Amino acid sequence: MSISDNKIPRVLLTNDDGIDAPGLAVLEAVAAELAHEVWVVAPEHDQSGTSHSVSLHSPLRFSRQGERRFGVTGTPGDCVVMAVRHLMAAPPTLVLSGINRGGNLGVETMFSGTVGAAMTGLLLGLPSIALSQVFTDRENVRWDTARALAPGVIRQLLAVSHDAPTCLNVNFPDVDAADAGPLTPTRQGTGLVEGIDVLPEIDPRGLPYHWLRFQRGTRENAPDSETAVVRSGRVSVTPLNFDRTDQQVFAALGARLSTSR
């Protein structure tokens, strides 16, 4: 990536928590420090859990909410496509997605709209970084940690040359910035998600409705996984791509099916 005078020429910001989310405000402050031109194109409402989805069966609308700032009635992936293919006169040098309220670790990255937006940027040929702040207490998220560490982390990542655009998943630990360990390359690992529950409820009219909720718990994670590294107080970064092929099962299938021909 070509960066003149140590600043990114043009950066696109999005998220899945919505355009009014505190994490996006933190990311805007970070981007103002790093880039000459900052664009914000984010969902008008919370789109957590929408993964890489794009709206193929419903129209999208956008509202102008300031200079180079737009809300979109769609998913994080929709926001990236709308920004790059419609709203921006020139494509961004970098896509930043977040800063998410809560970690995106292990299997959870498959469902994350924060990561999904970054992967959509990758699909469009743009280097993209998803950023998340792990918390223990939802009402006391350490936004100051992400604010303090994100500029240096992003600069470190941009200094690493790649042959092709990449998607990087960054998680900040739930510790004060001064106590955080170094940026550490990680694997996705298993994470904390064990399953999904259905919670039935009854509305004021006596009609049933249902909420979905992740089941999370302590699972075995390798020492070089996102979950283990963040738990140790370090900042994790995992390179992601679209190929989810299970190489062990692929080899087993090849060996088994070749004998049945």
C-alpha atoms as a PDB file:
ATOM      1  CA  MET A   1       0.000   0.000   0.000  1.00  0.00           C
ATOM      2  CA  SER A   2       1.338   3.406  -0.970  1.00  0.00           C
ATOM      3  CA  ILE A   3       1.152   5.865   1.908  1.00  0.00           C
ATOM      4  CA  SER A   4       2.383   9.400   1.309  1.00  0.00           C
ATOM      5  CA  ASP A   5       3.766  11.453   4.244  1.00  0.00           C
ATOM      6  CA  ASN A   6       2.892   8.504   6.520  1.00  0.00           C
ATOM      7  CA  LYS A   7      -0.836   9.040   5.975  1.00  0.00           C
ATOM      8  CA  ILE A   8      -3.367   6.827   4.181  1.00  0.00           C
ATOM      9  CA  PRO A   9      -4.830   8.678   1.194  1.00  0.00           C
ATOM     10  CA  ARG A  10      -8.430   7.531   1.608  1.00  0.00           C
ATOM     11  CA  VAL A  11     -10.031   5.217   4.163  1.00  0.00           C
ATOM     12  CA  LEU A  12     -13.546   3.759   4.342  1.00  0.00           C
ATOM     13  CA  LEU A  13     -15.055   3.057   7.769  1.00  0.00           C
ATOM     14  CA  THR A  14     -18.023   0.805   8.469  1.00  0.00           C
ATOM     15  CA  ASN A  15     -19.270  -1.479  11.251  1.00  0.00           C
ATOM     16  CA  ASP A  16     -22.120  -3.775  12.259  1.00  0.00           C
ATOM     17  CA  ASP A  17     -23.199  -2.055  15.496  1.00  0.00           C
ATOM     18  CA  GLY A  18     -24.726   0.860  13.589  1.00  0.00           C
ATOM     19  CA  ILE A  19     -23.681   4.353  12.587  1.00  0.00           C
ATOM     20  CA  ASP A  20     -24.311   5.785  16.076  1.00  0.00           C
ATOM     21  CA  ALA A  21     -22.277   3.113  17.898  1.00  0.00           C
ATOM     22  CA  PRO A  22     -19.514   4.269  20.281  1.00  0.00           C
ATOM     23  CA  GLY A  23     -16.986   1.944  18.664  1.00  0.00           C
ATOM     24  CA  LEU A  24     -17.433   3.659  15.317  1.00  0.00           C
ATOM     25  CA  ALA A  25     -16.865   7.039  16.968  1.00  0.00           C
ATOM     26  CA  VAL A  26     -13.588   5.662  18.352  1.00  0.00           C
ATOM     27  CA  LEU A  27     -12.617   4.398  14.895  1.00  0.00           C
ATOM     28  CA  GLU A  28     -13.402   7.794  13.355  1.00  0.00           C
ATOM     29  CA  ALA A  29     -10.993   9.430  15.805  1.00  0.00           C
ATOM     30  CA  VAL A  30      -8.338   6.840  14.932  1.00  0.00           C
ATOM     31  CA  ALA A  31      -8.875   7.282  11.182  1.00  0.00           C
ATOM     32  CA  ALA A  32      -8.655  11.080  11.441  1.00  0.00           C
ATOM     33  CA  GLU A  33      -5.149  10.579  12.826  1.00  0.00           C
ATOM     34  CA  LEU A  34      -4.127   8.132  10.086  1.00  0.00           C
ATOM     35  CA  ALA A  35      -5.769   9.305   6.853  1.00  0.00           C
ATOM     36  CA  HIS A  36      -6.098  12.361   4.663  1.00  0.00           C
ATOM     37  CA  GLU A  37      -9.680  11.519   3.714  1.00  0.00           C
ATOM     38  CA  VAL A  38     -12.147   9.569   5.861  1.00  0.00           C
ATOM     39  CA  TRP A  39     -15.437   8.176   4.594  1.00  0.00           C
ATOM     40  CA  VAL A  40     -18.054   6.604   6.861  1.00  0.00           C
ATOM     41  CA  VAL A  41     -20.711   4.344   5.325  1.00  0.00           C
ATOM     42  CA  ALA A  42     -22.392   2.289   8.032  1.00  0.00           C
ATOM     43  CA  PRO A  43     -25.730   0.596   8.768  1.00  0.00           C
ATOM     44  CA  GLU A  44     -28.463   2.870  10.075  1.00  0.00           C
ATOM     45  CA  HIS A  45     -29.313   0.201  12.664  1.00  0.00           C
ATOM     46  CA  ASP A  46     -27.515  -2.635  14.472  1.00  0.00           C
ATOM     47  CA  GLN A  47     -26.647  -5.428  12.019  1.00  0.00           C
ATOM     48  CA  SER A  48     -24.695  -7.728  14.333  1.00  0.00           C
ATOM     49  CA  GLY A  49     -24.646 -11.369  13.236  1.00  0.00           C
ATOM     50  CA  THR A  50     -25.274 -10.648   9.556  1.00  0.00           C
ATOM     51  CA  SER A  51     -21.919 -12.103   8.494  1.00  0.00           C
ATOM     52  CA  HIS A  52     -21.064 -11.516   4.811  1.00  0.00           C
ATOM     53  CA  SER A  53     -24.679 -11.134   3.688  1.00  0.00           C
ATOM     54  CA  VAL A  54     -25.715  -8.636   1.004  1.00  0.00           C
ATOM     55  CA  SER A  55     -29.264  -7.560   0.193  1.00  0.00           C
ATOM     56  CA  LEU A  56     -30.213  -9.137  -3.127  1.00  0.00           C
ATOM     57  CA  HIS A  57     -33.982  -9.175  -2.546  1.00  0.00           C
ATOM     58  CA  SER A  58     -34.711  -5.740  -1.088  1.00  0.00           C
ATOM     59  CA  PRO A  59     -33.817  -2.184  -2.118  1.00  0.00           C
ATOM     60  CA  LEU A  60     -31.214  -0.145  -0.286  1.00  0.00           C
ATOM     61  CA  ARG A  61     -31.624   3.461   0.809  1.00  0.00           C
ATOM     62  CA  PHE A  62     -29.002   5.798   2.185  1.00  0.00           C
ATOM     63  CA  SER A  63     -29.107   9.036   4.149  1.00  0.00           C
ATOM     64  CA  ARG A  64     -26.420  11.701   4.160  1.00  0.00           C
ATOM     65  CA  GLN A  65     -25.382  12.343   7.768  1.00  0.00           C
ATOM     66  CA  GLY A  66     -22.504  14.727   7.241  1.00  0.00           C
ATOM     67  CA  GLU A  67     -19.575  15.320   4.936  1.00  0.00           C
ATOM     68  CA  ARG A  68     -18.468  11.928   3.561  1.00  0.00           C
ATOM     69  CA  ARG A  69     -20.786  10.264   6.120  1.00  0.00           C
ATOM     70  CA  PHE A  70     -23.730   8.048   5.136  1.00  0.00           C
ATOM     71  CA  GLY A  71     -26.173   5.667   6.818  1.00  0.00           C
ATOM     72  CA  VAL A  72     -27.442   2.697   4.797  1.00  0.00           C
ATOM     73  CA  THR A  73     -30.574   0.604   5.362  1.00  0.00           C
ATOM     74  CA  GLY A  74     -28.703  -2.646   4.912  1.00  0.00           C
ATOM     75  CA  THR A  75     -25.970  -4.953   6.129  1.00  0.00           C
ATOM     76  CA  PRO A  76     -22.280  -4.117   6.680  1.00  0.00           C
ATOM     77  CA  GLY A  77     -21.528  -5.861   3.390  1.00  0.00           C
ATOM     78  CA  ASP A  78     -24.121  -3.679   1.661  1.00  0.00           C
ATOM     79  CA  CYS A  79     -22.419  -0.610   3.120  1.00  0.00           C
ATOM     80  CA  VAL A  80     -19.024  -1.543   1.669  1.00  0.00           C
ATOM     81  CA  VAL A  81     -20.492  -2.220  -1.773  1.00  0.00           C
ATOM     82  CA  MET A  82     -22.562   0.976  -1.740  1.00  0.00           C
ATOM     83  CA  ALA A  83     -19.529   3.001  -0.706  1.00  0.00           C
ATOM     84  CA  VAL A  84     -17.066   1.562  -3.187  1.00  0.00           C
ATOM     85  CA  ARG A  85     -19.397   1.162  -6.164  1.00  0.00           C
ATOM     86  CA  HIS A  86     -21.694   4.162  -5.729  1.00  0.00           C
ATOM     87  CA  LEU A  87     -20.996   6.780  -3.072  1.00  0.00           C
ATOM     88  CA  MET A  88     -17.236   7.301  -3.337  1.00  0.00           C
ATOM     89  CA  ALA A  89     -15.759   9.045  -6.355  1.00  0.00           C
ATOM     90  CA  ALA A  90     -12.579   6.991  -5.995  1.00  0.00           C
ATOM     91  CA  PRO A  91     -12.078   3.669  -4.188  1.00  0.00           C
ATOM     92  CA  PRO A  92     -10.608   3.654  -0.681  1.00  0.00           C
ATOM     93  CA  THR A  93      -7.004   2.760  -0.035  1.00  0.00           C
ATOM     94  CA  LEU A  94      -8.103   0.790   3.014  1.00  0.00           C
ATOM     95  CA  VAL A  95     -11.328  -0.510   4.589  1.00  0.00           C
ATOM     96  CA  LEU A  96     -11.604  -0.447   8.394  1.00  0.00           C
ATOM     97  CA  SER A  97     -14.555  -2.210  10.034  1.00  0.00           C
ATOM     98  CA  GLY A  98     -15.435  -1.699  13.715  1.00  0.00           C
ATOM     99  CA  ILE A  99     -14.540  -1.068  16.358  1.00  0.00           C
ATOM    100  CA  ASN A 100     -16.882  -3.841  17.437  1.00  0.00           C
ATOM    101  CA  ARG A 101     -18.344  -3.986  20.949  1.00  0.00           C
ATOM    102  CA  GLY A 102     -17.017  -7.412  21.929  1.00  0.00           C
ATOM    103  CA  GLY A 103     -14.448  -9.782  20.510  1.00  0.00           C
ATOM    104  CA  ASN A 104     -14.732 -11.631  17.230  1.00  0.00           C
ATOM    105  CA  LEU A 105     -12.943 -14.853  18.081  1.00  0.00           C
ATOM    106  CA  GLY A 106     -12.865 -18.297  16.511  1.00  0.00           C
ATOM    107  CA  VAL A 107     -16.118 -19.620  15.063  1.00  0.00           C
ATOM    108  CA  GLU A 108     -17.820 -16.324  15.865  1.00  0.00           C
ATOM    109  CA  THR A 109     -15.950 -14.664  12.993  1.00  0.00           C
ATOM    110  CA  MET A 110     -18.164 -16.687  10.614  1.00  0.00           C
ATOM    111  CA  PHE A 111     -21.249 -14.858  11.903  1.00  0.00           C
ATOM    112  CA  SER A 112     -19.725 -11.429  12.526  1.00  0.00           C
ATOM    113  CA  GLY A 113     -20.952  -8.497  10.468  1.00  0.00           C
ATOM    114  CA  THR A 114     -17.766  -6.649  11.441  1.00  0.00           C
ATOM    115  CA  VAL A 115     -15.623  -9.342   9.859  1.00  0.00           C
ATOM    116  CA  GLY A 116     -18.147  -9.772   7.046  1.00  0.00           C
ATOM    117  CA  ALA A 117     -17.723  -6.132   6.023  1.00  0.00           C
ATOM    118  CA  ALA A 118     -13.958  -6.542   5.908  1.00  0.00           C
ATOM    119  CA  MET A 119     -14.321  -9.722   3.850  1.00  0.00           C
ATOM    120  CA  THR A 120     -16.576  -7.839   1.437  1.00  0.00           C
ATOM    121  CA  GLY A 121     -13.783  -5.310   1.048  1.00  0.00           C
ATOM    122  CA  LEU A 122     -11.447  -8.203   0.268  1.00  0.00           C
ATOM    123  CA  LEU A 123     -13.921  -9.483  -2.335  1.00  0.00           C
ATOM    124  CA  LEU A 124     -13.735  -6.062  -3.997  1.00  0.00           C
ATOM    125  CA  GLY A 125      -9.937  -6.251  -4.067  1.00  0.00           C
ATOM    126  CA  LEU A 126      -9.313  -3.875  -1.148  1.00  0.00           C
ATOM    127  CA  PRO A 127      -7.051  -4.402   1.873  1.00  0.00           C
ATOM    128  CA  SER A 128      -9.360  -4.580   4.885  1.00  0.00           C
ATOM    129  CA  ILE A 129      -9.029  -4.759   8.665  1.00  0.00           C
ATOM    130  CA  ALA A 130     -11.745  -5.748  11.160  1.00  0.00           C
ATOM    131  CA  LEU A 131     -11.209  -4.400  14.680  1.00  0.00           C
ATOM    132  CA  SER A 132     -12.938  -5.516  17.897  1.00  0.00           C
ATOM    133  CA  GLN A 133     -12.645  -4.643  21.577  1.00  0.00           C
ATOM    134  CA  VAL A 134     -13.064  -7.606  23.925  1.00  0.00           C
ATOM    135  CA  PHE A 135     -15.004  -6.894  27.124  1.00  0.00           C
ATOM    136  CA  THR A 136     -15.966  -8.608  30.350  1.00  0.00           C
ATOM    137  CA  ASP A 137     -18.578  -6.037  31.409  1.00  0.00           C
ATOM    138  CA  ARG A 138     -20.787  -4.872  28.527  1.00  0.00           C
ATOM    139  CA  GLU A 139     -21.483  -1.585  30.313  1.00  0.00           C
ATOM    140  CA  ASN A 140     -17.773  -0.845  30.797  1.00  0.00           C
ATOM    141  CA  VAL A 141     -16.083  -1.561  27.463  1.00  0.00           C
ATOM    142  CA  ARG A 142     -12.452  -0.436  27.411  1.00  0.00           C
ATOM    143  CA  TRP A 143     -12.797   1.885  24.431  1.00  0.00           C
ATOM    144  CA  ASP A 144      -9.725   3.778  25.672  1.00  0.00           C
ATOM    145  CA  THR A 145      -7.656   0.655  25.021  1.00  0.00           C
ATOM    146  CA  ALA A 146      -8.760   0.421  21.400  1.00  0.00           C
ATOM    147  CA  ARG A 147      -8.353   4.180  20.928  1.00  0.00           C
ATOM    148  CA  ALA A 148      -4.810   4.132  22.265  1.00  0.00           C
ATOM    149  CA  LEU A 149      -3.611   0.982  20.506  1.00  0.00           C
ATOM    150  CA  ALA A 150      -5.411   1.025  17.145  1.00  0.00           C
ATOM    151  CA  PRO A 151      -3.294   3.698  15.376  1.00  0.00           C
ATOM    152  CA  GLY A 152      -0.045   1.857  16.090  1.00  0.00           C
ATOM    153  CA  VAL A 153      -1.544  -1.528  15.262  1.00  0.00           C
ATOM    154  CA  ILE A 154      -2.873  -0.319  11.912  1.00  0.00           C
ATOM    155  CA  ARG A 155       0.466   1.285  11.043  1.00  0.00           C
ATOM    156  CA  GLN A 156       2.272  -1.960  11.906  1.00  0.00           C
ATOM    157  CA  LEU A 157      -0.060  -3.984   9.694  1.00  0.00           C
ATOM    158  CA  LEU A 158       0.212  -1.603   6.757  1.00  0.00           C
ATOM    159  CA  ALA A 159       3.990  -1.844   6.925  1.00  0.00           C
ATOM    160  CA  VAL A 160       3.811  -5.581   6.144  1.00  0.00           C
ATOM    161  CA  SER A 161       3.871  -6.079   2.371  1.00  0.00           C
ATOM    162  CA  HIS A 162       1.485  -8.559   0.722  1.00  0.00           C
ATOM    163  CA  ASP A 163       1.264  -9.930  -2.802  1.00  0.00           C
ATOM    164  CA  ALA A 164      -2.515  -9.462  -2.797  1.00  0.00           C
ATOM    165  CA  PRO A 165      -5.217  -7.676  -0.765  1.00  0.00           C
ATOM    166  CA  THR A 166      -5.759  -9.215   2.652  1.00  0.00           C
ATOM    167  CA  CYS A 167      -8.402  -9.306   5.358  1.00  0.00           C
ATOM    168  CA  LEU A 168      -7.045  -9.060   8.883  1.00  0.00           C
ATOM    169  CA  ASN A 169      -9.063  -9.675  12.051  1.00  0.00           C
ATOM    170  CA  VAL A 170      -7.765  -7.693  15.050  1.00  0.00           C
ATOM    171  CA  ASN A 171      -8.929  -8.124  18.661  1.00  0.00           C
ATOM    172  CA  PHE A 172      -7.899  -5.822  21.521  1.00  0.00           C
ATOM    173  CA  PRO A 173      -7.724  -7.443  24.978  1.00  0.00           C
ATOM    174  CA  ASP A 174      -9.844  -6.449  27.965  1.00  0.00           C
ATOM    175  CA  VAL A 175      -6.980  -4.711  29.787  1.00  0.00           C
ATOM    176  CA  ASP A 176      -5.744  -1.148  30.062  1.00  0.00           C
ATOM    177  CA  ALA A 177      -3.683  -0.075  27.064  1.00  0.00           C
ATOM    178  CA  ALA A 178      -0.568   0.262  29.212  1.00  0.00           C
ATOM    179  CA  ASP A 179      -0.886  -3.384  30.252  1.00  0.00           C
ATOM    180  CA  ALA A 180      -1.550  -4.804  26.780  1.00  0.00           C
ATOM    181  CA  GLY A 181       0.985  -7.143  25.229  1.00  0.00           C
ATOM    182  CA  PRO A 182       2.316  -6.820  21.668  1.00  0.00           C
ATOM    183  CA  LEU A 183       0.492  -7.378  18.408  1.00  0.00           C
ATOM    184  CA  THR A 184       0.673 -11.138  17.847  1.00  0.00           C
ATOM    185  CA  PRO A 185      -0.103 -13.192  14.698  1.00  0.00           C
ATOM    186  CA  THR A 186      -2.803 -15.751  15.481  1.00  0.00           C
ATOM    187  CA  ARG A 187      -4.899 -18.520  14.017  1.00  0.00           C
ATOM    188  CA  GLN A 188      -8.682 -18.378  14.134  1.00  0.00           C
ATOM    189  CA  GLY A 189      -9.000 -21.304  16.524  1.00  0.00           C
ATOM    190  CA  THR A 190     -12.213 -22.577  18.091  1.00  0.00           C
ATOM    191  CA  GLY A 191     -13.268 -19.528  20.093  1.00  0.00           C
ATOM    192  CA  LEU A 192     -15.972 -19.528  22.753  1.00  0.00           C
ATOM    193  CA  VAL A 193     -19.199 -20.339  20.863  1.00  0.00           C
ATOM    194  CA  GLU A 194     -20.703 -23.732  21.730  1.00  0.00           C
ATOM    195  CA  GLY A 195     -24.072 -23.411  19.971  1.00  0.00           C
ATOM    196  CA  ILE A 196     -27.168 -21.273  19.492  1.00  0.00           C
ATOM    197  CA  ASP A 197     -30.252 -21.201  21.725  1.00  0.00           C
ATOM    198  CA  VAL A 198     -33.840 -20.282  20.854  1.00  0.00           C
ATOM    199  CA  LEU A 199     -35.528 -18.246  23.612  1.00  0.00           C
ATOM    200  CA  PRO A 200     -39.338 -18.225  23.313  1.00  0.00           C
ATOM    201  CA  GLU A 201     -41.280 -15.213  24.655  1.00  0.00           C
ATOM    202  CA  ILE A 202     -44.849 -13.891  24.579  1.00  0.00           C
ATOM    203  CA  ASP A 203     -45.615 -10.346  23.420  1.00  0.00           C
ATOM    204  CA  PRO A 204     -48.229  -8.032  25.078  1.00  0.00           C
ATOM    205  CA  ARG A 205     -50.913  -9.353  22.711  1.00  0.00           C
ATOM    206  CA  GLY A 206     -50.294 -12.925  23.799  1.00  0.00           C
ATOM    207  CA  LEU A 207     -48.503 -13.886  20.566  1.00  0.00           C
ATOM    208  CA  PRO A 208     -45.277 -15.896  20.623  1.00  0.00           C
ATOM    209  CA  TYR A 209     -41.937 -14.567  19.397  1.00  0.00           C
ATOM    210  CA  HIS A 210     -38.382 -15.843  19.668  1.00  0.00           C
ATOM    211  CA  TRP A 211     -34.834 -14.590  20.224  1.00  0.00           C
ATOM    212  CA  LEU A 212     -31.672 -16.375  19.108  1.00  0.00           C
ATOM    213  CA  ARG A 213     -28.677 -16.324  21.464  1.00  0.00           C
ATOM    214  CA  PHE A 214     -25.167 -17.704  21.196  1.00  0.00           C
ATOM    215  CA  GLN A 215     -24.112 -20.226  23.817  1.00  0.00           C
ATOM    216  CA  ARG A 216     -20.586 -19.366  24.938  1.00  0.00           C
ATOM    217  CA  GLY A 217     -18.287 -21.247  27.271  1.00  0.00           C
ATOM    218  CA  THR A 218     -14.706 -22.271  27.932  1.00  0.00           C
ATOM    219  CA  ARG A 219     -13.448 -24.319  25.021  1.00  0.00           C
ATOM    220  CA  GLU A 220     -10.045 -25.723  24.207  1.00  0.00           C
ATOM    221  CA  ASN A 221      -8.032 -23.278  22.108  1.00  0.00           C
ATOM    222  CA  ALA A 222      -4.454 -23.666  20.906  1.00  0.00           C
ATOM    223  CA  PRO A 223      -1.825 -21.284  22.350  1.00  0.00           C
ATOM    224  CA  ASP A 224      -1.538 -19.462  19.007  1.00  0.00           C
ATOM    225  CA  SER A 225      -5.314 -18.951  18.639  1.00  0.00           C
ATOM    226  CA  GLU A 226      -7.059 -15.581  18.849  1.00  0.00           C
ATOM    227  CA  THR A 227      -8.863 -16.560  22.050  1.00  0.00           C
ATOM    228  CA  ALA A 228      -5.736 -17.697  23.899  1.00  0.00           C
ATOM    229  CA  VAL A 229      -3.650 -14.717  22.816  1.00  0.00           C
ATOM    230  CA  VAL A 230      -6.297 -12.139  23.733  1.00  0.00           C
ATOM    231  CA  ARG A 231      -6.923 -13.882  27.045  1.00  0.00           C
ATOM    232  CA  SER A 232      -3.208 -13.463  27.789  1.00  0.00           C
ATOM    233  CA  GLY A 233      -3.554  -9.693  27.333  1.00  0.00           C
ATOM    234  CA  ARG A 234      -2.001  -9.404  23.884  1.00  0.00           C
ATOM    235  CA  VAL A 235      -3.492  -7.926  20.704  1.00  0.00           C
ATOM    236  CA  SER A 236      -4.329 -10.632  18.168  1.00  0.00           C
ATOM    237  CA  VAL A 237      -4.306 -10.395  14.376  1.00  0.00           C
ATOM    238  CA  THR A 238      -5.538 -13.227  12.172  1.00  0.00           C
ATOM    239  CA  PRO A 239      -5.268 -13.230   8.357  1.00  0.00           C
ATOM    240  CA  LEU A 240      -8.519 -14.512   6.841  1.00  0.00           C
ATOM    241  CA  ASN A 241      -9.531 -15.724   3.406  1.00  0.00           C
ATOM    242  CA  PHE A 242     -12.570 -17.244   1.731  1.00  0.00           C
ATOM    243  CA  ASP A 243     -11.279 -20.826   1.394  1.00  0.00           C
ATOM    244  CA  ARG A 244     -12.811 -22.857   4.235  1.00  0.00           C
ATOM    245  CA  THR A 245     -11.746 -26.246   2.880  1.00  0.00           C
ATOM    246  CA  ASP A 246     -11.056 -28.779   5.640  1.00  0.00           C
ATOM    247  CA  GLN A 247      -7.761 -30.194   4.376  1.00  0.00           C
ATOM    248  CA  GLN A 248      -7.871 -33.301   6.592  1.00  0.00           C
ATOM    249  CA  VAL A 249     -11.353 -34.306   5.421  1.00  0.00           C
ATOM    250  CA  PHE A 250     -10.432 -33.376   1.835  1.00  0.00           C
ATOM    251  CA  ALA A 251      -7.509 -35.832   1.980  1.00  0.00           C
ATOM    252  CA  ALA A 252      -9.678 -38.529   3.600  1.00  0.00           C
ATOM    253  CA  LEU A 253     -12.365 -38.118   0.945  1.00  0.00           C
ATOM    254  CA  GLY A 254      -9.785 -38.280  -1.815  1.00  0.00           C
ATOM    255  CA  ALA A 255      -8.252 -41.456  -0.414  1.00  0.00           C
ATOM    256  CA  ARG A 256     -11.612 -43.149   0.187  1.00  0.00           C
ATOM    257  CA  LEU A 257     -13.297 -42.196  -3.066  1.00  0.00           C
ATOM    258  CA  SER A 258     -10.283 -43.025  -5.222  1.00  0.00           C
ATOM    259  CA  THR A 259     -10.549 -46.656  -4.089  1.00  0.00           C
ATOM    260  CA  SER A 260     -14.218 -46.881  -5.087  1.00  0.00           C
ATOM    261  CA  ARG A 261     -13.723 -45.942  -8.724  1.00  0.00           C
END
